[in-house]
PDB file of N, CA and C in Angstrom:
ATOM      1  N   UNK A   1      51.432  70.973 -61.130  1.00  0.00           N
ATOM      2  CA  UNK A   1      51.234  71.129 -62.578  1.00  0.00           C
ATOM      3  C   UNK A   1      50.628  72.491 -62.893  1.00  0.00           C
ATOM      4  N   UNK A   2      51.128  73.045 -63.835  1.00  0.00           N
ATOM      5  CA  UNK A   2      50.644  74.359 -64.306  1.00  0.00           C
ATOM      6  C   UNK A   2      49.473  74.195 -65.283  1.00  0.00           C
ATOM      7  N   UNK A   3      48.511  74.953 -65.162  1.00  0.00           N
ATOM      8  CA  UNK A   3      47.382  75.037 -66.016  1.00  0.00           C
ATOM      9  C   UNK A   3      47.855  75.398 -67.522  1.00  0.00           C
ATOM     10  N   UNK A   4      47.050  75.069 -68.422  1.00  0.00           N
ATOM     11  CA  UNK A   4      47.458  75.376 -69.775  1.00  0.00           C
ATOM     12  C   UNK A   4      47.499  76.925 -69.881  1.00  0.00           C
ATOM     13  N   UNK A   5      48.667  77.305 -70.489  1.00  0.00           N
ATOM     14  CA  UNK A   5      48.896  78.728 -70.661  1.00  0.00           C
ATOM     15  C   UNK A   5      49.461  79.457 -69.371  1.00  0.00           C
ATOM     16  N   UNK A   6      49.441  78.712 -68.301  1.00  0.00           N
ATOM     17  CA  UNK A   6      50.002  79.522 -67.089  1.00  0.00           C
ATOM     18  C   UNK A   6      51.511  79.511 -67.074  1.00  0.00           C
ATOM     19  N   UNK A   7      52.007  80.453 -66.468  1.00  0.00           N
ATOM     20  CA  UNK A   7      53.484  80.696 -66.399  1.00  0.00           C
ATOM     21  C   UNK A   7      53.919  80.511 -65.013  1.00  0.00           C
ATOM     22  N   UNK A   8      55.154  80.129 -64.793  1.00  0.00           N
ATOM     23  CA  UNK A   8      55.805  80.092 -63.532  1.00  0.00           C
ATOM     24  C   UNK A   8      55.703  81.456 -62.870  1.00  0.00           C
ATOM     25  N   UNK A   9      55.864  82.458 -63.557  1.00  0.00           N
ATOM     26  CA  UNK A   9      55.809  83.859 -63.052  1.00  0.00           C
ATOM     27  C   UNK A   9      54.348  84.478 -62.919  1.00  0.00           C
ATOM     28  N   UNK A  10      53.425  83.634 -63.142  1.00  0.00           N
ATOM     29  CA  UNK A  10      52.010  84.091 -63.031  1.00  0.00           C
ATOM     30  C   UNK A  10      51.781  84.559 -61.611  1.00  0.00           C
ATOM     31  N   UNK A  11      51.389  85.872 -61.475  1.00  0.00           N
ATOM     32  CA  UNK A  11      51.085  86.407 -60.110  1.00  0.00           C
ATOM     33  C   UNK A  11      49.652  87.122 -60.186  1.00  0.00           C
ATOM     34  N   UNK A  12      48.733  86.364 -60.867  1.00  0.00           N
ATOM     35  CA  UNK A  12      47.412  87.043 -61.048  1.00  0.00           C
ATOM     36  C   UNK A  12      46.540  86.926 -59.800  1.00  0.00           C
ATOM     37  N   UNK A  13      46.875  86.057 -58.818  1.00  0.00           N
ATOM     38  CA  UNK A  13      46.166  85.993 -57.622  1.00  0.00           C
ATOM     39  C   UNK A  13      46.475  87.030 -56.633  1.00  0.00           C
ATOM     40  N   UNK A  14      45.551  87.486 -55.807  1.00  0.00           N
ATOM     41  CA  UNK A  14      45.751  88.544 -54.872  1.00  0.00           C
ATOM     42  C   UNK A  14      46.961  88.216 -53.878  1.00  0.00           C
ATOM     43  N   UNK A  15      46.860  87.052 -53.279  1.00  0.00           N
ATOM     44  CA  UNK A  15      47.989  86.696 -52.409  1.00  0.00           C
ATOM     45  C   UNK A  15      49.420  86.715 -53.054  1.00  0.00           C
ATOM     46  N   UNK A  16      49.509  86.182 -54.261  1.00  0.00           N
ATOM     47  CA  UNK A  16      50.781  86.175 -55.022  1.00  0.00           C
ATOM     48  C   UNK A  16      51.093  87.521 -55.409  1.00  0.00           C
ATOM     49  N   UNK A  17      50.177  88.420 -55.852  1.00  0.00           N
ATOM     50  CA  UNK A  17      50.401  89.754 -56.267  1.00  0.00           C
ATOM     51  C   UNK A  17      50.982  90.577 -55.028  1.00  0.00           C
ATOM     52  N   UNK A  18      50.190  90.642 -54.023  1.00  0.00           N
ATOM     53  CA  UNK A  18      50.617  91.457 -52.903  1.00  0.00           C
ATOM     54  C   UNK A  18      51.770  91.022 -52.004  1.00  0.00           C
ATOM     55  N   UNK A  19      51.858  89.628 -51.880  1.00  0.00           N
ATOM     56  CA  UNK A  19      53.051  89.126 -51.132  1.00  0.00           C
ATOM     57  C   UNK A  19      54.326  89.328 -51.958  1.00  0.00           C
ATOM     58  N   UNK A  20      54.326  89.272 -53.337  1.00  0.00           N
ATOM     59  CA  UNK A  20      55.369  89.502 -54.093  1.00  0.00           C
ATOM     60  C   UNK A  20      55.798  90.992 -54.084  1.00  0.00           C
ATOM     61  N   UNK A  21      54.849  91.830 -53.883  1.00  0.00           N
ATOM     62  CA  UNK A  21      55.126  93.276 -53.888  1.00  0.00           C
ATOM     63  C   UNK A  21      55.815  93.619 -52.580  1.00  0.00           C
ATOM     64  N   UNK A  22      55.354  93.079 -51.464  1.00  0.00           N
ATOM     65  CA  UNK A  22      55.831  93.203 -50.145  1.00  0.00           C
ATOM     66  C   UNK A  22      57.399  92.611 -50.128  1.00  0.00           C
ATOM     67  N   UNK A  23      57.504  91.492 -50.679  1.00  0.00           N
ATOM     68  CA  UNK A  23      58.893  90.860 -50.731  1.00  0.00           C
ATOM     69  C   UNK A  23      59.838  91.749 -51.581  1.00  0.00           C
ATOM     70  N   UNK A  24      59.374  92.180 -52.722  1.00  0.00           N
ATOM     71  CA  UNK A  24      60.182  93.083 -53.566  1.00  0.00           C
ATOM     72  C   UNK A  24      60.644  94.361 -52.740  1.00  0.00           C
ATOM     73  N   UNK A  25      59.723  94.990 -52.016  1.00  0.00           N
ATOM     74  CA  UNK A  25      60.035  96.168 -51.176  1.00  0.00           C
ATOM     75  C   UNK A  25      61.135  95.796 -50.071  1.00  0.00           C
ATOM     76  N   UNK A  26      60.883  94.577 -49.452  1.00  0.00           N
ATOM     77  CA  UNK A  26      61.830  94.166 -48.410  1.00  0.00           C
ATOM     78  C   UNK A  26      63.201  93.961 -49.014  1.00  0.00           C
ATOM     79  N   UNK A  27      63.252  93.434 -50.163  1.00  0.00           N
ATOM     80  CA  UNK A  27      64.529  93.183 -50.882  1.00  0.00           C
ATOM     81  C   UNK A  27      65.206  94.571 -51.154  1.00  0.00           C
ATOM     82  N   UNK A  28      64.439  95.496 -51.603  1.00  0.00           N
ATOM     83  CA  UNK A  28      65.016  96.795 -51.924  1.00  0.00           C
ATOM     84  C   UNK A  28      65.605  97.424 -50.579  1.00  0.00           C
ATOM     85  N   UNK A  29      64.888  97.294 -49.492  1.00  0.00           N
ATOM     86  CA  UNK A  29      65.315  97.722 -48.229  1.00  0.00           C
ATOM     87  C   UNK A  29      66.693  97.180 -47.903  1.00  0.00           C
ATOM     88  N   UNK A  30      66.801  95.879 -48.061  1.00  0.00           N
ATOM     89  CA  UNK A  30      68.056  95.232 -47.809  1.00  0.00           C
ATOM     90  C   UNK A  30      69.117  95.699 -48.789  1.00  0.00           C
ATOM     91  N   UNK A  31      68.693  95.834 -50.034  1.00  0.00           N
ATOM     92  CA  UNK A  31      69.683  96.418 -51.050  1.00  0.00           C
ATOM     93  C   UNK A  31      70.233  97.769 -50.776  1.00  0.00           C
ATOM     94  N   UNK A  32      69.495  98.563 -50.018  1.00  0.00           N
ATOM     95  CA  UNK A  32      69.935  99.912 -49.636  1.00  0.00           C
ATOM     96  C   UNK A  32      71.280  99.704 -48.740  1.00  0.00           C
ATOM     97  N   UNK A  33      71.237  98.611 -47.947  1.00  0.00           N
ATOM     98  CA  UNK A  33      72.359  98.508 -47.044  1.00  0.00           C
ATOM     99  C   UNK A  33      73.655  97.984 -47.904  1.00  0.00           C
ATOM    100  N   UNK A  34      73.468  97.402 -49.026  1.00  0.00           N
ATOM    101  CA  UNK A  34      74.567  96.961 -49.824  1.00  0.00           C
ATOM    102  C   UNK A  34      75.233  98.187 -50.439  1.00  0.00           C
ATOM    103  N   UNK A  35      74.421  99.321 -50.749  1.00  0.00           N
ATOM    104  CA  UNK A  35      74.932 100.498 -51.245  1.00  0.00           C
ATOM    105  C   UNK A  35      75.505 101.420 -50.247  1.00  0.00           C
ATOM    106  N   UNK A  36      74.770 101.491 -49.038  1.00  0.00           N
ATOM    107  CA  UNK A  36      75.126 102.340 -47.944  1.00  0.00           C
ATOM    108  C   UNK A  36      74.991 101.644 -46.626  1.00  0.00           C
ATOM    109  N   UNK A  37      76.055 100.848 -46.261  1.00  0.00           N
ATOM    110  CA  UNK A  37      75.967  99.938 -45.153  1.00  0.00           C
ATOM    111  C   UNK A  37      75.702 100.789 -43.818  1.00  0.00           C
ATOM    112  N   UNK A  38      76.174 102.035 -43.787  1.00  0.00           N
ATOM    113  CA  UNK A  38      75.999 102.748 -42.503  1.00  0.00           C
ATOM    114  C   UNK A  38      74.713 103.524 -42.419  1.00  0.00           C
ATOM    115  N   UNK A  39      73.735 103.317 -43.361  1.00  0.00           N
ATOM    116  CA  UNK A  39      72.558 104.039 -43.398  1.00  0.00           C
ATOM    117  C   UNK A  39      71.704 103.772 -42.052  1.00  0.00           C
ATOM    118  N   UNK A  40      71.082 104.795 -41.615  1.00  0.00           N
ATOM    119  CA  UNK A  40      70.086 104.554 -40.505  1.00  0.00           C
ATOM    120  C   UNK A  40      68.931 103.790 -40.994  1.00  0.00           C
ATOM    121  N   UNK A  41      68.348 102.986 -40.251  1.00  0.00           N
ATOM    122  CA  UNK A  41      67.153 102.150 -40.671  1.00  0.00           C
ATOM    123  C   UNK A  41      66.035 103.011 -41.254  1.00  0.00           C
ATOM    124  N   UNK A  42      65.643 104.060 -40.523  1.00  0.00           N
ATOM    125  CA  UNK A  42      64.497 104.857 -40.972  1.00  0.00           C
ATOM    126  C   UNK A  42      64.814 105.608 -42.301  1.00  0.00           C
ATOM    127  N   UNK A  43      66.135 106.069 -42.454  1.00  0.00           N
ATOM    128  CA  UNK A  43      66.445 106.662 -43.629  1.00  0.00           C
ATOM    129  C   UNK A  43      66.462 105.666 -44.784  1.00  0.00           C
ATOM    130  N   UNK A  44      67.038 104.527 -44.537  1.00  0.00           N
ATOM    131  CA  UNK A  44      67.008 103.453 -45.513  1.00  0.00           C
ATOM    132  C   UNK A  44      65.645 103.063 -45.925  1.00  0.00           C
ATOM    133  N   UNK A  45      64.768 103.098 -44.912  1.00  0.00           N
ATOM    134  CA  UNK A  45      63.311 102.811 -45.262  1.00  0.00           C
ATOM    135  C   UNK A  45      62.752 103.807 -46.278  1.00  0.00           C
ATOM    136  N   UNK A  46      63.104 105.040 -45.993  1.00  0.00           N
ATOM    137  CA  UNK A  46      62.593 106.078 -46.867  1.00  0.00           C
ATOM    138  C   UNK A  46      63.117 105.969 -48.156  1.00  0.00           C
ATOM    139  N   UNK A  47      64.358 105.652 -48.327  1.00  0.00           N
ATOM    140  CA  UNK A  47      64.989 105.477 -49.662  1.00  0.00           C
ATOM    141  C   UNK A  47      64.462 104.333 -50.311  1.00  0.00           C
ATOM    142  N   UNK A  48      64.179 103.187 -49.635  1.00  0.00           N
ATOM    143  CA  UNK A  48      63.639 102.046 -50.282  1.00  0.00           C
ATOM    144  C   UNK A  48      62.147 102.257 -50.806  1.00  0.00           C
ATOM    145  N   UNK A  49      61.349 103.064 -49.933  1.00  0.00           N
ATOM    146  CA  UNK A  49      59.978 103.361 -50.444  1.00  0.00           C
ATOM    147  C   UNK A  49      60.004 104.207 -51.537  1.00  0.00           C
ATOM    148  N   UNK A  50      60.942 105.231 -51.527  1.00  0.00           N
ATOM    149  CA  UNK A  50      60.911 106.173 -52.646  1.00  0.00           C
ATOM    150  C   UNK A  50      61.418 105.475 -53.915  1.00  0.00           C
ATOM    151  N   UNK A  51      62.314 104.561 -53.911  1.00  0.00           N
ATOM    152  CA  UNK A  51      62.760 103.822 -54.983  1.00  0.00           C
ATOM    153  C   UNK A  51      61.654 102.938 -55.617  1.00  0.00           C
ATOM    154  N   UNK A  52      60.874 102.275 -54.729  1.00  0.00           N
ATOM    155  CA  UNK A  52      59.845 101.492 -55.231  1.00  0.00           C
ATOM    156  C   UNK A  52      58.766 102.353 -55.721  1.00  0.00           C
ATOM    157  N   UNK A  53      58.393 103.369 -55.178  1.00  0.00           N
ATOM    158  CA  UNK A  53      57.421 104.257 -55.829  1.00  0.00           C
ATOM    159  C   UNK A  53      57.881 104.765 -57.096  1.00  0.00           C
ATOM    160  N   UNK A  54      59.081 105.118 -57.289  1.00  0.00           N
ATOM    161  CA  UNK A  54      59.741 105.631 -58.565  1.00  0.00           C
ATOM    162  C   UNK A  54      59.550 104.477 -59.617  1.00  0.00           C
ATOM    163  N   UNK A  55      59.873 103.316 -59.364  1.00  0.00           N
ATOM    164  CA  UNK A  55      59.713 102.284 -60.246  1.00  0.00           C
ATOM    165  C   UNK A  55      58.149 102.036 -60.629  1.00  0.00           C
ATOM    166  N   UNK A  56      57.412 102.066 -59.677  1.00  0.00           N
ATOM    167  CA  UNK A  56      55.962 101.925 -59.978  1.00  0.00           C
ATOM    168  C   UNK A  56      55.415 103.051 -60.840  1.00  0.00           C
ATOM    169  N   UNK A  57      55.818 104.272 -60.538  1.00  0.00           N
ATOM    170  CA  UNK A  57      55.406 105.377 -61.360  1.00  0.00           C
ATOM    171  C   UNK A  57      56.035 105.368 -62.760  1.00  0.00           C
ATOM    172  N   UNK A  58      57.177 104.799 -62.868  1.00  0.00           N
ATOM    173  CA  UNK A  58      57.840 104.593 -64.229  1.00  0.00           C
ATOM    174  C   UNK A  58      56.920 103.663 -65.053  1.00  0.00           C
ATOM    175  N   UNK A  59      56.220 102.921 -64.463  1.00  0.00           N
ATOM    176  CA  UNK A  59      55.368 101.897 -65.269  1.00  0.00           C
ATOM    177  C   UNK A  59      54.214 102.651 -66.018  1.00  0.00           C
ATOM    178  N   UNK A  60      53.991 103.871 -65.569  1.00  0.00           N
ATOM    179  CA  UNK A  60      52.916 104.713 -66.344  1.00  0.00           C
ATOM    180  C   UNK A  60      53.436 105.066 -67.676  1.00  0.00           C
ATOM    181  N   UNK A  61      54.764 105.052 -67.877  1.00  0.00           N
ATOM    182  CA  UNK A  61      55.387 105.398 -69.184  1.00  0.00           C
ATOM    183  C   UNK A  61      55.239 104.353 -70.257  1.00  0.00           C
ATOM    184  N   UNK A  62      55.071 103.107 -69.782  1.00  0.00           N
ATOM    185  CA  UNK A  62      55.044 101.844 -70.759  1.00  0.00           C
ATOM    186  C   UNK A  62      56.347 101.401 -71.093  1.00  0.00           C
ATOM    187  N   UNK A  63      57.469 102.005 -70.670  1.00  0.00           N
ATOM    188  CA  UNK A  63      58.837 101.611 -70.873  1.00  0.00           C
ATOM    189  C   UNK A  63      59.081 100.217 -70.255  1.00  0.00           C
ATOM    190  N   UNK A  64      58.751 100.071 -68.940  1.00  0.00           N
ATOM    191  CA  UNK A  64      58.936  98.765 -68.315  1.00  0.00           C
ATOM    192  C   UNK A  64      58.239  97.646 -69.078  1.00  0.00           C
ATOM    193  N   UNK A  65      57.056  97.902 -69.517  1.00  0.00           N
ATOM    194  CA  UNK A  65      56.363  96.774 -70.163  1.00  0.00           C
ATOM    195  C   UNK A  65      56.992  96.374 -71.438  1.00  0.00           C
ATOM    196  N   UNK A  66      57.594  97.264 -72.199  1.00  0.00           N
ATOM    197  CA  UNK A  66      58.374  97.082 -73.440  1.00  0.00           C
ATOM    198  C   UNK A  66      59.512  96.239 -73.040  1.00  0.00           C
ATOM    199  N   UNK A  67      60.209  96.566 -72.051  1.00  0.00           N
ATOM    200  CA  UNK A  67      61.515  95.736 -71.626  1.00  0.00           C
ATOM    201  C   UNK A  67      61.041  94.375 -71.077  1.00  0.00           C
ATOM    202  N   UNK A  68      59.908  94.270 -70.478  1.00  0.00           N
ATOM    203  CA  UNK A  68      59.475  93.071 -69.863  1.00  0.00           C
ATOM    204  C   UNK A  68      59.029  92.067 -70.945  1.00  0.00           C
ATOM    205  N   UNK A  69      58.675  92.548 -72.036  1.00  0.00           N
ATOM    206  CA  UNK A  69      58.292  91.622 -73.177  1.00  0.00           C
ATOM    207  C   UNK A  69      59.634  90.820 -73.706  1.00  0.00           C
ATOM    208  N   UNK A  70      60.757  91.517 -73.506  1.00  0.00           N
ATOM    209  CA  UNK A  70      62.027  90.923 -73.938  1.00  0.00           C
ATOM    210  C   UNK A  70      62.940  90.268 -72.815  1.00  0.00           C
ATOM    211  N   UNK A  71      62.588  90.495 -71.615  1.00  0.00           N
ATOM    212  CA  UNK A  71      63.514  90.013 -70.549  1.00  0.00           C
ATOM    213  C   UNK A  71      62.639  89.650 -69.298  1.00  0.00           C
ATOM    214  N   UNK A  72      62.802  88.519 -68.811  1.00  0.00           N
ATOM    215  CA  UNK A  72      62.261  87.969 -67.580  1.00  0.00           C
ATOM    216  C   UNK A  72      62.846  88.841 -66.447  1.00  0.00           C
ATOM    217  N   UNK A  73      64.112  89.053 -66.469  1.00  0.00           N
ATOM    218  CA  UNK A  73      64.776  89.839 -65.418  1.00  0.00           C
ATOM    219  C   UNK A  73      64.161  91.306 -65.313  1.00  0.00           C
ATOM    220  N   UNK A  74      63.891  91.965 -66.472  1.00  0.00           N
ATOM    221  CA  UNK A  74      63.288  93.269 -66.490  1.00  0.00           C
ATOM    222  C   UNK A  74      61.862  93.174 -65.936  1.00  0.00           C
ATOM    223  N   UNK A  75      61.114  92.101 -66.226  1.00  0.00           N
ATOM    224  CA  UNK A  75      59.840  91.930 -65.681  1.00  0.00           C
ATOM    225  C   UNK A  75      59.766  91.832 -64.128  1.00  0.00           C
ATOM    226  N   UNK A  76      60.705  91.040 -63.643  1.00  0.00           N
ATOM    227  CA  UNK A  76      60.870  90.897 -62.131  1.00  0.00           C
ATOM    228  C   UNK A  76      61.320  92.156 -61.525  1.00  0.00           C
ATOM    229  N   UNK A  77      62.216  92.930 -62.078  1.00  0.00           N
ATOM    230  CA  UNK A  77      62.753  94.141 -61.412  1.00  0.00           C
ATOM    231  C   UNK A  77      61.859  95.384 -61.628  1.00  0.00           C
ATOM    232  N   UNK A  78      61.272  95.440 -62.822  1.00  0.00           N
ATOM    233  CA  UNK A  78      60.462  96.678 -63.148  1.00  0.00           C
ATOM    234  C   UNK A  78      58.927  96.609 -63.191  1.00  0.00           C
ATOM    235  N   UNK A  79      58.461  95.299 -63.315  1.00  0.00           N
ATOM    236  CA  UNK A  79      57.104  95.117 -63.361  1.00  0.00           C
ATOM    237  C   UNK A  79      56.611  95.304 -64.778  1.00  0.00           C
ATOM    238  N   UNK A  80      55.261  95.327 -64.929  1.00  0.00           N
ATOM    239  CA  UNK A  80      54.684  95.497 -66.248  1.00  0.00           C
ATOM    240  C   UNK A  80      53.739  96.706 -66.374  1.00  0.00           C
ATOM    241  N   UNK A  81      52.867  96.836 -65.393  1.00  0.00           N
ATOM    242  CA  UNK A  81      51.853  97.891 -65.487  1.00  0.00           C
ATOM    243  C   UNK A  81      51.633  98.514 -64.076  1.00  0.00           C
ATOM    244  N   UNK A  82      51.251  99.750 -64.030  1.00  0.00           N
ATOM    245  CA  UNK A  82      50.932 100.595 -62.870  1.00  0.00           C
ATOM    246  C   UNK A  82      49.807  99.899 -62.053  1.00  0.00           C
ATOM    247  N   UNK A  83      49.936  99.885 -60.845  1.00  0.00           N
ATOM    248  CA  UNK A  83      48.952  99.416 -59.886  1.00  0.00           C
ATOM    249  C   UNK A  83      48.984 100.322 -58.682  1.00  0.00           C
ATOM    250  N   UNK A  84      48.018 101.185 -58.457  1.00  0.00           N
ATOM    251  CA  UNK A  84      48.101 102.143 -57.366  1.00  0.00           C
ATOM    252  C   UNK A  84      48.184 101.458 -56.044  1.00  0.00           C
ATOM    253  N   UNK A  85      47.531 100.255 -55.926  1.00  0.00           N
ATOM    254  CA  UNK A  85      47.599  99.567 -54.600  1.00  0.00           C
ATOM    255  C   UNK A  85      49.085  99.177 -54.226  1.00  0.00           C
ATOM    256  N   UNK A  86      49.886  98.956 -55.141  1.00  0.00           N
ATOM    257  CA  UNK A  86      51.257  98.648 -54.920  1.00  0.00           C
ATOM    258  C   UNK A  86      51.929  99.709 -54.066  1.00  0.00           C
ATOM    259  N   UNK A  87      51.498 100.919 -54.227  1.00  0.00           N
ATOM    260  CA  UNK A  87      52.137 102.084 -53.438  1.00  0.00           C
ATOM    261  C   UNK A  87      52.015 101.832 -51.999  1.00  0.00           C
ATOM    262  N   UNK A  88      50.812 101.248 -51.562  1.00  0.00           N
ATOM    263  CA  UNK A  88      50.655 100.871 -50.095  1.00  0.00           C
ATOM    264  C   UNK A  88      51.427  99.662 -49.747  1.00  0.00           C
ATOM    265  N   UNK A  89      51.455  98.697 -50.606  1.00  0.00           N
ATOM    266  CA  UNK A  89      52.091  97.355 -50.266  1.00  0.00           C
ATOM    267  C   UNK A  89      53.681  97.561 -50.223  1.00  0.00           C
ATOM    268  N   UNK A  90      54.220  98.546 -50.862  1.00  0.00           N
ATOM    269  CA  UNK A  90      55.646  98.744 -50.655  1.00  0.00           C
ATOM    270  C   UNK A  90      55.869  99.268 -49.281  1.00  0.00           C
ATOM    271  N   UNK A  91      55.073 100.142 -48.845  1.00  0.00           N
ATOM    272  CA  UNK A  91      55.145 100.695 -47.462  1.00  0.00           C
ATOM    273  C   UNK A  91      54.899  99.509 -46.482  1.00  0.00           C
ATOM    274  N   UNK A  92      54.015  98.702 -46.771  1.00  0.00           N
ATOM    275  CA  UNK A  92      53.874  97.494 -45.827  1.00  0.00           C
ATOM    276  C   UNK A  92      55.112  96.607 -45.711  1.00  0.00           C
ATOM    277  N   UNK A  93      55.766  96.530 -46.811  1.00  0.00           N
ATOM    278  CA  UNK A  93      56.963  95.646 -46.852  1.00  0.00           C
ATOM    279  C   UNK A  93      58.176  96.268 -46.253  1.00  0.00           C
ATOM    280  N   UNK A  94      58.285  97.612 -46.251  1.00  0.00           N
ATOM    281  CA  UNK A  94      59.492  98.212 -45.721  1.00  0.00           C
ATOM    282  C   UNK A  94      59.225  98.740 -44.286  1.00  0.00           C
ATOM    283  N   UNK A  95      58.166  99.323 -43.961  1.00  0.00           N
ATOM    284  CA  UNK A  95      58.029  99.968 -42.736  1.00  0.00           C
ATOM    285  C   UNK A  95      58.243  99.163 -41.474  1.00  0.00           C
ATOM    286  N   UNK A  96      57.662  97.896 -41.458  1.00  0.00           N
ATOM    287  CA  UNK A  96      57.901  97.011 -40.271  1.00  0.00           C
ATOM    288  C   UNK A  96      59.432  96.639 -40.145  1.00  0.00           C
ATOM    289  N   UNK A  97      60.143  96.487 -41.270  1.00  0.00           N
ATOM    290  CA  UNK A  97      61.514  96.150 -41.168  1.00  0.00           C
ATOM    291  C   UNK A  97      62.317  97.276 -40.630  1.00  0.00           C
ATOM    292  N   UNK A  98      61.978  98.408 -41.099  1.00  0.00           N
ATOM    293  CA  UNK A  98      62.653  99.697 -40.686  1.00  0.00           C
ATOM    294  C   UNK A  98      62.550  99.910 -39.167  1.00  0.00           C
ATOM    295  N   UNK A  99      61.244  99.780 -38.810  1.00  0.00           N
ATOM    296  CA  UNK A  99      60.975 100.082 -37.278  1.00  0.00           C
ATOM    297  C   UNK A  99      61.640  99.025 -36.474  1.00  0.00           C
ATOM    298  N   UNK A 100      61.564  97.726 -36.758  1.00  0.00           N
ATOM    299  CA  UNK A 100      62.231  96.671 -35.981  1.00  0.00           C
ATOM    300  C   UNK A 100      63.782  96.911 -36.021  1.00  0.00           C
ATOM    301  N   UNK A 101      64.284  97.206 -37.197  1.00  0.00           N
ATOM    302  CA  UNK A 101      65.683  97.422 -37.312  1.00  0.00           C
ATOM    303  C   UNK A 101      66.106  98.553 -36.432  1.00  0.00           C
ATOM    304  N   UNK A 102      65.338  99.591 -36.456  1.00  0.00           N
ATOM    305  CA  UNK A 102      65.630 100.841 -35.663  1.00  0.00           C
ATOM    306  C   UNK A 102      65.695 100.399 -34.205  1.00  0.00           C
ATOM    307  N   UNK A 103      64.707  99.718 -33.782  1.00  0.00           N
ATOM    308  CA  UNK A 103      64.644  99.284 -32.349  1.00  0.00           C
ATOM    309  C   UNK A 103      65.768  98.432 -31.998  1.00  0.00           C
ATOM    310  N   UNK A 104      66.291  97.634 -32.844  1.00  0.00           N
ATOM    311  CA  UNK A 104      67.439  96.759 -32.574  1.00  0.00           C
ATOM    312  C   UNK A 104      68.786  97.477 -32.442  1.00  0.00           C
ATOM    313  N   UNK A 105      68.907  98.484 -33.312  1.00  0.00           N
ATOM    314  CA  UNK A 105      70.233  99.156 -33.316  1.00  0.00           C
ATOM    315  C   UNK A 105      70.216 100.510 -32.583  1.00  0.00           C
ATOM    316  N   UNK A 106      69.152 100.913 -32.073  1.00  0.00           N
ATOM    317  CA  UNK A 106      69.097 102.152 -31.221  1.00  0.00           C
ATOM    318  C   UNK A 106      70.008 102.008 -30.048  1.00  0.00           C
ATOM    319  N   UNK A 107      70.961 102.952 -29.940  1.00  0.00           N
ATOM    320  CA  UNK A 107      71.777 102.941 -28.725  1.00  0.00           C
ATOM    321  C   UNK A 107      70.937 103.008 -27.411  1.00  0.00           C
ATOM    322  N   UNK A 108      71.215 102.033 -26.518  1.00  0.00           N
ATOM    323  CA  UNK A 108      70.583 102.080 -25.259  1.00  0.00           C
ATOM    324  C   UNK A 108      71.394 102.894 -24.196  1.00  0.00           C
ATOM    325  N   UNK A 109      70.603 103.618 -23.436  1.00  0.00           N
ATOM    326  CA  UNK A 109      71.276 104.438 -22.416  1.00  0.00           C
ATOM    327  C   UNK A 109      71.499 103.658 -21.206  1.00  0.00           C
ATOM    328  N   UNK A 110      72.721 103.605 -20.756  1.00  0.00           N
ATOM    329  CA  UNK A 110      73.073 102.780 -19.532  1.00  0.00           C
ATOM    330  C   UNK A 110      73.261 103.746 -18.413  1.00  0.00           C
ATOM    331  N   UNK A 111      72.550 103.415 -17.214  1.00  0.00           N
ATOM    332  CA  UNK A 111      72.690 104.337 -16.102  1.00  0.00           C
ATOM    333  C   UNK A 111      73.575 103.507 -15.050  1.00  0.00           C
ATOM    334  N   UNK A 112      74.597 104.114 -14.661  1.00  0.00           N
ATOM    335  CA  UNK A 112      75.480 103.524 -13.604  1.00  0.00           C
ATOM    336  C   UNK A 112      75.324 104.177 -12.275  1.00  0.00           C
TER     337      UNK A 112
END
C-alpha cells in the first residue's frame, strides 16, 4: 500500500535512488549494443558512461524537468534534477559489466 501522496515512481530513498541509477546505466550499456552490435566492451562502456553523464549534465538546464512534468517516459529517461553523486553511480553500473564482458569475449591464445 502506498502512503498518502506517494507515487509508484517515488525514488526518494537512497537504495531506490542509487540502484535505479545503476540499473539505468546498465540498460544504456546494453543499448549501445543494439546500436553497434560489434562494439568492443570497453568502448561500449565508455560510450554508455559518456551518454549517462551527458543526460545528467543536461539536467542542469532544467529542460528535462519541464519534460518530466508532462511525461512519465521523459522522467524515466531524462530524470528531473542534477545529482553529482549519480556521476559515480553510472560508472558503478557500467564498469563491472564492461570488465566482465571484456573478460568473456577476449580471444584466448591457444598453444599447440
